[in-house]
Amino acid sequence: MRPSSSYDLNGDGYVSQQEFKIANKFDKDKDGILNELEKSKCLEALKQGWEAQELRKLESKISRKGGMMKSRDTSNRVCITEMSP
């Protein structure tokens, strides 16, 4: 099943895995479609650094569990990989 085009946050006509994960968090009624209000809140949160805040939360959670490894993917985004203790 293809995700709704409303999940295309950068307007490139394709919904990436990252866009899907982010948009899904803002899809409050869980109908698989970002309505106008949900999408505007999502885009505003991204402008305000929401994604960076979520990454910091993840890094903190993983480091408390025993370790992490940071790397960058082909789009130069930071990737966090949990390491076994």
PDB file of N, CA and C in Angstrom:
ATOM      1  N   MET A   1       0.841  -1.183   0.000  1.00  0.00           N
ATOM      2  CA  MET A   1       0.000   0.000   0.000  1.00  0.00           C
ATOM      3  C   MET A   1       0.885   1.244   0.000  1.00  0.00           C
ATOM      4  N   ARG A   2       0.621   2.147  -0.907  1.00  0.00           N
ATOM      5  CA  ARG A   2       1.384   3.383  -1.006  1.00  0.00           C
ATOM      6  C   ARG A   2       0.878   4.407  -0.006  1.00  0.00           C
ATOM      7  N   PRO A   3       1.778   5.156   0.610  1.00  0.00           N
ATOM      8  CA  PRO A   3       1.337   6.210   1.526  1.00  0.00           C
ATOM      9  C   PRO A   3       0.688   7.354   0.751  1.00  0.00           C
ATOM     10  N   SER A   4      -0.144   8.091   1.429  1.00  0.00           N
ATOM     11  CA  SER A   4      -0.812   9.245   0.835  1.00  0.00           C
ATOM     12  C   SER A   4       0.208  10.282   0.387  1.00  0.00           C
ATOM     13  N   SER A   5      -0.094  10.967  -0.689  1.00  0.00           N
ATOM     14  CA  SER A   5       0.790  12.036  -1.161  1.00  0.00           C
ATOM     15  C   SER A   5       0.869  13.171  -0.143  1.00  0.00           C
ATOM     16  N   SER A   6      -0.065  13.219   0.799  1.00  0.00           N
ATOM     17  CA  SER A   6      -0.007  14.254   1.841  1.00  0.00           C
ATOM     18  C   SER A   6       1.198  14.038   2.760  1.00  0.00           C
ATOM     19  N   TYR A   7       1.768  12.845   2.748  1.00  0.00           N
ATOM     20  CA  TYR A   7       2.957  12.547   3.544  1.00  0.00           C
ATOM     21  C   TYR A   7       4.237  13.032   2.850  1.00  0.00           C
ATOM     22  N   ASP A   8       4.146  13.520   1.627  1.00  0.00           N
ATOM     23  CA  ASP A   8       5.294  14.048   0.882  1.00  0.00           C
ATOM     24  C   ASP A   8       5.608  15.442   1.431  1.00  0.00           C
ATOM     25  N   LEU A   9       6.524  15.515   2.369  1.00  0.00           N
ATOM     26  CA  LEU A   9       6.779  16.763   3.081  1.00  0.00           C
ATOM     27  C   LEU A   9       7.673  17.733   2.336  1.00  0.00           C
ATOM     28  N   ASN A  10       8.490  17.245   1.412  1.00  0.00           N
ATOM     29  CA  ASN A  10       9.376  18.147   0.681  1.00  0.00           C
ATOM     30  C   ASN A  10       8.887  18.449  -0.734  1.00  0.00           C
ATOM     31  N   GLY A  11       7.751  17.884  -1.113  1.00  0.00           N
ATOM     32  CA  GLY A  11       7.144  18.212  -2.407  1.00  0.00           C
ATOM     33  C   GLY A  11       7.835  17.633  -3.616  1.00  0.00           C
ATOM     34  N   ASP A  12       8.644  16.562  -3.428  1.00  0.00           N
ATOM     35  CA  ASP A  12       9.351  15.999  -4.571  1.00  0.00           C
ATOM     36  C   ASP A  12       8.552  14.916  -5.297  1.00  0.00           C
ATOM     37  N   GLY A  13       7.328  14.651  -4.824  1.00  0.00           N
ATOM     38  CA  GLY A  13       6.493  13.650  -5.477  1.00  0.00           C
ATOM     39  C   GLY A  13       6.725  12.233  -4.990  1.00  0.00           C
ATOM     40  N   TYR A  14       7.588  12.067  -3.999  1.00  0.00           N
ATOM     41  CA  TYR A  14       7.937  10.755  -3.462  1.00  0.00           C
ATOM     42  C   TYR A  14       7.903  10.827  -1.941  1.00  0.00           C
ATOM     43  N   VAL A  15       7.346   9.817  -1.302  1.00  0.00           N
ATOM     44  CA  VAL A  15       7.323   9.764   0.159  1.00  0.00           C
ATOM     45  C   VAL A  15       8.440   8.824   0.618  1.00  0.00           C
ATOM     46  N   SER A  16       9.492   9.410   1.159  1.00  0.00           N
ATOM     47  CA  SER A  16      10.618   8.605   1.650  1.00  0.00           C
ATOM     48  C   SER A  16      10.242   7.947   2.975  1.00  0.00           C
ATOM     49  N   GLN A  17      11.077   7.018   3.413  1.00  0.00           N
ATOM     50  CA  GLN A  17      10.836   6.371   4.708  1.00  0.00           C
ATOM     51  C   GLN A  17      10.880   7.399   5.828  1.00  0.00           C
ATOM     52  N   GLN A  18      11.812   8.330   5.733  1.00  0.00           N
ATOM     53  CA  GLN A  18      11.934   9.366   6.765  1.00  0.00           C
ATOM     54  C   GLN A  18      10.686  10.247   6.790  1.00  0.00           C
ATOM     55  N   GLU A  19      10.206  10.655   5.611  1.00  0.00           N
ATOM     56  CA  GLU A  19       8.990  11.468   5.550  1.00  0.00           C
ATOM     57  C   GLU A  19       7.804  10.695   6.118  1.00  0.00           C
ATOM     58  N   PHE A  20       7.722   9.410   5.795  1.00  0.00           N
ATOM     59  CA  PHE A  20       6.617   8.599   6.285  1.00  0.00           C
ATOM     60  C   PHE A  20       6.618   8.548   7.810  1.00  0.00           C
ATOM     61  N   LYS A  21       7.787   8.297   8.395  1.00  0.00           N
ATOM     62  CA  LYS A  21       7.885   8.202   9.851  1.00  0.00           C
ATOM     63  C   LYS A  21       7.514   9.524  10.519  1.00  0.00           C
ATOM     64  N   ILE A  22       7.992  10.614   9.967  1.00  0.00           N
ATOM     65  CA  ILE A  22       7.693  11.927  10.547  1.00  0.00           C
ATOM     66  C   ILE A  22       6.217  12.253  10.396  1.00  0.00           C
ATOM     67  N   ALA A  23       5.700  12.126   9.174  1.00  0.00           N
ATOM     68  CA  ALA A  23       4.293  12.462   8.922  1.00  0.00           C
ATOM     69  C   ALA A  23       3.363  11.597   9.757  1.00  0.00           C
ATOM     70  N   ASN A  24       3.711  10.337   9.919  1.00  0.00           N
ATOM     71  CA  ASN A  24       2.876   9.427  10.687  1.00  0.00           C
ATOM     72  C   ASN A  24       2.735   9.888  12.142  1.00  0.00           C
ATOM     73  N   LYS A  25       3.773  10.501  12.689  1.00  0.00           N
ATOM     74  CA  LYS A  25       3.709  11.019  14.054  1.00  0.00           C
ATOM     75  C   LYS A  25       2.736  12.189  14.168  1.00  0.00           C
ATOM     76  N   PHE A  26       2.522  12.910  13.084  1.00  0.00           N
ATOM     77  CA  PHE A  26       1.625  14.063  13.106  1.00  0.00           C
ATOM     78  C   PHE A  26       0.220  13.732  12.610  1.00  0.00           C
ATOM     79  N   ASP A  27       0.023  12.522  12.133  1.00  0.00           N
ATOM     80  CA  ASP A  27      -1.302  12.070  11.664  1.00  0.00           C
ATOM     81  C   ASP A  27      -2.114  11.660  12.894  1.00  0.00           C
ATOM     82  N   LYS A  28      -2.696  12.650  13.556  1.00  0.00           N
ATOM     83  CA  LYS A  28      -3.342  12.429  14.850  1.00  0.00           C
ATOM     84  C   LYS A  28      -4.544  11.492  14.780  1.00  0.00           C
ATOM     85  N   ASP A  29      -5.313  11.522  13.696  1.00  0.00           N
ATOM     86  CA  ASP A  29      -6.481  10.643  13.599  1.00  0.00           C
ATOM     87  C   ASP A  29      -6.142   9.289  12.974  1.00  0.00           C
ATOM     88  N   LYS A  30      -4.855   9.103  12.633  1.00  0.00           N
ATOM     89  CA  LYS A  30      -4.347   7.831  12.107  1.00  0.00           C
ATOM     90  C   LYS A  30      -5.156   7.292  10.924  1.00  0.00           C
ATOM     91  N   ASP A  31      -5.564   8.209  10.037  1.00  0.00           N
ATOM     92  CA  ASP A  31      -6.303   7.785   8.845  1.00  0.00           C
ATOM     93  C   ASP A  31      -5.399   7.616   7.625  1.00  0.00           C
ATOM     94  N   GLY A  32      -4.087   7.805   7.828  1.00  0.00           N
ATOM     95  CA  GLY A  32      -3.140   7.636   6.727  1.00  0.00           C
ATOM     96  C   GLY A  32      -3.039   8.840   5.817  1.00  0.00           C
ATOM     97  N   ILE A  33      -3.678   9.937   6.210  1.00  0.00           N
ATOM     98  CA  ILE A  33      -3.664  11.167   5.416  1.00  0.00           C
ATOM     99  C   ILE A  33      -3.433  12.343   6.356  1.00  0.00           C
ATOM    100  N   LEU A  34      -2.503  13.225   5.997  1.00  0.00           N
ATOM    101  CA  LEU A  34      -2.341  14.442   6.774  1.00  0.00           C
ATOM    102  C   LEU A  34      -3.356  15.456   6.264  1.00  0.00           C
ATOM    103  N   ASN A  35      -4.294  15.848   7.126  1.00  0.00           N
ATOM    104  CA  ASN A  35      -5.222  16.897   6.717  1.00  0.00           C
ATOM    105  C   ASN A  35      -4.476  18.233   6.768  1.00  0.00           C
ATOM    106  N   GLU A  36      -5.126  19.292   6.388  1.00  0.00           N
ATOM    107  CA  GLU A  36      -4.468  20.594   6.283  1.00  0.00           C
ATOM    108  C   GLU A  36      -3.851  21.030   7.618  1.00  0.00           C
ATOM    109  N   LEU A  37      -4.582  20.852   8.708  1.00  0.00           N
ATOM    110  CA  LEU A  37      -4.082  21.246  10.021  1.00  0.00           C
ATOM    111  C   LEU A  37      -2.894  20.384  10.449  1.00  0.00           C
ATOM    112  N   GLU A  38      -3.008  19.069  10.270  1.00  0.00           N
ATOM    113  CA  GLU A  38      -1.913  18.162  10.642  1.00  0.00           C
ATOM    114  C   GLU A  38      -0.651  18.471   9.846  1.00  0.00           C
ATOM    115  N   LYS A  39      -0.812  18.711   8.544  1.00  0.00           N
ATOM    116  CA  LYS A  39       0.356  18.978   7.707  1.00  0.00           C
ATOM    117  C   LYS A  39       1.000  20.312   8.070  1.00  0.00           C
ATOM    118  N   SER A  40       0.184  21.323   8.341  1.00  0.00           N
ATOM    119  CA  SER A  40       0.760  22.618   8.699  1.00  0.00           C
ATOM    120  C   SER A  40       1.506  22.525  10.024  1.00  0.00           C
ATOM    121  N   LYS A  41       0.968  21.769  10.988  1.00  0.00           N
ATOM    122  CA  LYS A  41       1.668  21.577  12.272  1.00  0.00           C
ATOM    123  C   LYS A  41       2.970  20.815  12.060  1.00  0.00           C
ATOM    124  N   CYS A  42       2.940  19.820  11.208  1.00  0.00           N
ATOM    125  CA  CYS A  42       4.130  19.028  10.917  1.00  0.00           C
ATOM    126  C   CYS A  42       5.212  19.898  10.279  1.00  0.00           C
ATOM    127  N   LEU A  43       4.873  20.645   9.257  1.00  0.00           N
ATOM    128  CA  LEU A  43       5.854  21.482   8.569  1.00  0.00           C
ATOM    129  C   LEU A  43       6.401  22.564   9.484  1.00  0.00           C
ATOM    130  N   GLU A  44       5.548  23.145  10.319  1.00  0.00           N
ATOM    131  CA  GLU A  44       5.998  24.168  11.263  1.00  0.00           C
ATOM    132  C   GLU A  44       6.950  23.566  12.297  1.00  0.00           C
ATOM    133  N   ALA A  45       6.621  22.378  12.789  1.00  0.00           N
ATOM    134  CA  ALA A  45       7.492  21.703  13.762  1.00  0.00           C
ATOM    135  C   ALA A  45       8.860  21.411  13.149  1.00  0.00           C
ATOM    136  N   LEU A  46       8.886  20.995  11.888  1.00  0.00           N
ATOM    137  CA  LEU A  46      10.157  20.733  11.220  1.00  0.00           C
ATOM    138  C   LEU A  46      10.971  22.013  11.088  1.00  0.00           C
ATOM    139  N   LYS A  47      10.309  23.120  10.773  1.00  0.00           N
ATOM    140  CA  LYS A  47      11.009  24.413  10.676  1.00  0.00           C
ATOM    141  C   LYS A  47      11.606  24.814  12.022  1.00  0.00           C
ATOM    142  N   GLN A  48      10.917  24.446  13.106  1.00  0.00           N
ATOM    143  CA  GLN A  48      11.359  24.814  14.446  1.00  0.00           C
ATOM    144  C   GLN A  48      12.385  23.837  15.027  1.00  0.00           C
ATOM    145  N   GLY A  49      12.797  22.847  14.250  1.00  0.00           N
ATOM    146  CA  GLY A  49      13.844  21.924  14.691  1.00  0.00           C
ATOM    147  C   GLY A  49      13.332  20.661  15.355  1.00  0.00           C
ATOM    148  N   TRP A  50      12.088  20.275  15.103  1.00  0.00           N
ATOM    149  CA  TRP A  50      11.508  19.080  15.712  1.00  0.00           C
ATOM    150  C   TRP A  50      12.351  17.838  15.447  1.00  0.00           C
ATOM    151  N   GLU A  51      12.816  17.685  14.214  1.00  0.00           N
ATOM    152  CA  GLU A  51      13.575  16.489  13.853  1.00  0.00           C
ATOM    153  C   GLU A  51      14.869  16.391  14.660  1.00  0.00           C
ATOM    154  N   ALA A  52      15.556  17.507  14.855  1.00  0.00           N
ATOM    155  CA  ALA A  52      16.790  17.514  15.641  1.00  0.00           C
ATOM    156  C   ALA A  52      16.497  17.164  17.102  1.00  0.00           C
ATOM    157  N   GLN A  53      15.384  17.656  17.623  1.00  0.00           N
ATOM    158  CA  GLN A  53      15.006  17.330  19.006  1.00  0.00           C
ATOM    159  C   GLN A  53      14.739  15.839  19.148  1.00  0.00           C
ATOM    160  N   GLU A  54      14.046  15.251  18.193  1.00  0.00           N
ATOM    161  CA  GLU A  54      13.766  13.819  18.234  1.00  0.00           C
ATOM    162  C   GLU A  54      15.055  13.003  18.162  1.00  0.00           C
ATOM    163  N   LEU A  55      15.990  13.455  17.346  1.00  0.00           N
ATOM    164  CA  LEU A  55      17.275  12.765  17.227  1.00  0.00           C
ATOM    165  C   LEU A  55      18.026  12.809  18.556  1.00  0.00           C
ATOM    166  N   ARG A  56      18.019  13.967  19.224  1.00  0.00           N
ATOM    167  CA  ARG A  56      18.683  14.069  20.530  1.00  0.00           C
ATOM    168  C   ARG A  56      18.033  13.126  21.548  1.00  0.00           C
ATOM    169  N   LYS A  57      16.696  13.015  21.521  1.00  0.00           N
ATOM    170  CA  LYS A  57      16.005  12.093  22.431  1.00  0.00           C
ATOM    171  C   LYS A  57      16.448  10.656  22.157  1.00  0.00           C
ATOM    172  N   LEU A  58      16.534  10.293  20.885  1.00  0.00           N
ATOM    173  CA  LEU A  58      16.940   8.944  20.506  1.00  0.00           C
ATOM    174  C   LEU A  58      18.382   8.666  20.933  1.00  0.00           C
ATOM    175  N   GLU A  59      19.255   9.628  20.695  1.00  0.00           N
ATOM    176  CA  GLU A  59      20.649   9.460  21.090  1.00  0.00           C
ATOM    177  C   GLU A  59      20.760   9.244  22.596  1.00  0.00           C
ATOM    178  N   SER A  60      20.008  10.018  23.357  1.00  0.00           N
ATOM    179  CA  SER A  60      20.027   9.900  24.809  1.00  0.00           C
ATOM    180  C   SER A  60      19.515   8.534  25.257  1.00  0.00           C
ATOM    181  N   LYS A  61      18.431   8.087  24.652  1.00  0.00           N
ATOM    182  CA  LYS A  61      17.845   6.793  24.997  1.00  0.00           C
ATOM    183  C   LYS A  61      18.816   5.651  24.699  1.00  0.00           C
ATOM    184  N   ILE A  62      19.432   5.695  23.538  1.00  0.00           N
ATOM    185  CA  ILE A  62      20.361   4.629  23.148  1.00  0.00           C
ATOM    186  C   ILE A  62      21.594   4.652  24.035  1.00  0.00           C
ATOM    187  N   SER A  63      22.126   5.831  24.349  1.00  0.00           N
ATOM    188  CA  SER A  63      23.338   5.892  25.166  1.00  0.00           C
ATOM    189  C   SER A  63      23.084   5.358  26.569  1.00  0.00           C
ATOM    190  N   ARG A  64      21.865   5.522  27.085  1.00  0.00           N
ATOM    191  CA  ARG A  64      21.536   4.975  28.401  1.00  0.00           C
ATOM    192  C   ARG A  64      21.457   3.448  28.357  1.00  0.00           C
ATOM    193  N   LYS A  65      21.183   2.895  27.182  1.00  0.00           N
ATOM    194  CA  LYS A  65      21.067   1.439  27.047  1.00  0.00           C
ATOM    195  C   LYS A  65      22.415   0.760  26.852  1.00  0.00           C
ATOM    196  N   GLY A  66      23.467   1.514  26.678  1.00  0.00           N
ATOM    197  CA  GLY A  66      24.757   0.851  26.605  1.00  0.00           C
ATOM    198  C   GLY A  66      25.631   1.207  25.424  1.00  0.00           C
ATOM    199  N   GLY A  67      25.203   2.026  24.536  1.00  0.00           N
ATOM    200  CA  GLY A  67      26.098   2.435  23.470  1.00  0.00           C
ATOM    201  C   GLY A  67      25.394   2.747  22.181  1.00  0.00           C
ATOM    202  N   MET A  68      26.087   3.487  21.356  1.00  0.00           N
ATOM    203  CA  MET A  68      25.537   3.829  20.057  1.00  0.00           C
ATOM    204  C   MET A  68      26.676   4.111  19.101  1.00  0.00           C
ATOM    205  N   MET A  69      26.343   4.089  17.839  1.00  0.00           N
ATOM    206  CA  MET A  69      27.306   4.407  16.811  1.00  0.00           C
ATOM    207  C   MET A  69      26.630   5.402  15.872  1.00  0.00           C
ATOM    208  N   LYS A  70      27.297   6.508  15.610  1.00  0.00           N
ATOM    209  CA  LYS A  70      26.762   7.497  14.682  1.00  0.00           C
ATOM    210  C   LYS A  70      27.440   7.326  13.335  1.00  0.00           C
ATOM    211  N   SER A  71      26.664   7.479  12.283  1.00  0.00           N
ATOM    212  CA  SER A  71      27.217   7.493  10.935  1.00  0.00           C
ATOM    213  C   SER A  71      26.321   8.385  10.089  1.00  0.00           C
ATOM    214  N   ARG A  72      26.651   8.528   8.847  1.00  0.00           N
ATOM    215  CA  ARG A  72      25.825   9.339   7.953  1.00  0.00           C
ATOM    216  C   ARG A  72      25.414   8.491   6.761  1.00  0.00           C
ATOM    217  N   ASP A  73      24.145   8.652   6.339  1.00  0.00           N
ATOM    218  CA  ASP A  73      23.679   7.905   5.177  1.00  0.00           C
ATOM    219  C   ASP A  73      24.031   8.660   3.906  1.00  0.00           C
ATOM    220  N   THR A  74      23.568   8.178   2.769  1.00  0.00           N
ATOM    221  CA  THR A  74      23.912   8.786   1.484  1.00  0.00           C
ATOM    222  C   THR A  74      23.342  10.185   1.313  1.00  0.00           C
ATOM    223  N   SER A  75      22.334  10.547   2.102  1.00  0.00           N
ATOM    224  CA  SER A  75      21.771  11.901   2.056  1.00  0.00           C
ATOM    225  C   SER A  75      22.400  12.795   3.119  1.00  0.00           C
ATOM    226  N   ASN A  76      23.478  12.327   3.744  1.00  0.00           N
ATOM    227  CA  ASN A  76      24.212  13.050   4.775  1.00  0.00           C
ATOM    228  C   ASN A  76      23.394  13.263   6.042  1.00  0.00           C
ATOM    229  N   ARG A  77      22.392  12.410   6.280  1.00  0.00           N
ATOM    230  CA  ARG A  77      21.632  12.468   7.524  1.00  0.00           C
ATOM    231  C   ARG A  77      22.346  11.595   8.556  1.00  0.00           C
ATOM    232  N   VAL A  78      22.252  12.007   9.803  1.00  0.00           N
ATOM    233  CA  VAL A  78      22.855  11.217  10.872  1.00  0.00           C
ATOM    234  C   VAL A  78      22.034   9.961  11.087  1.00  0.00           C
ATOM    235  N   CYS A  79      22.692   8.819  11.160  1.00  0.00           N
ATOM    236  CA  CYS A  79      22.048   7.539  11.442  1.00  0.00           C
ATOM    237  C   CYS A  79      22.586   7.038  12.765  1.00  0.00           C
ATOM    238  N   ILE A  80      21.683   6.571  13.601  1.00  0.00           N
ATOM    239  CA  ILE A  80      22.080   6.039  14.902  1.00  0.00           C
ATOM    240  C   ILE A  80      21.878   4.539  14.872  1.00  0.00           C
ATOM    241  N   THR A  81      22.902   3.811  15.251  1.00  0.00           N
ATOM    242  CA  THR A  81      22.818   2.351  15.320  1.00  0.00           C
ATOM    243  C   THR A  81      23.153   1.918  16.728  1.00  0.00           C
ATOM    244  N   GLU A  82      22.250   1.171  17.321  1.00  0.00           N
ATOM    245  CA  GLU A  82      22.489   0.680  18.675  1.00  0.00           C
ATOM    246  C   GLU A  82      23.536  -0.424  18.626  1.00  0.00           C
ATOM    247  N   MET A  83      24.460  -0.372  19.573  1.00  0.00           N
ATOM    248  CA  MET A  83      25.501  -1.383  19.654  1.00  0.00           C
ATOM    249  C   MET A  83      25.199  -2.290  20.827  1.00  0.00           C
ATOM    250  N   SER A  84      25.508  -3.550  20.689  1.00  0.00           N
ATOM    251  CA  SER A  84      25.298  -4.507  21.777  1.00  0.00           C
ATOM    252  C   SER A  84      26.284  -4.210  22.903  1.00  0.00           C
ATOM    253  N   PRO A  85      25.832  -4.317  24.146  1.00  0.00           N
ATOM    254  CA  PRO A  85      26.750  -4.049  25.278  1.00  0.00           C
ATOM    255  C   PRO A  85      27.823  -5.103  25.388  1.00  0.00           C
TER     256      PRO A  85
END
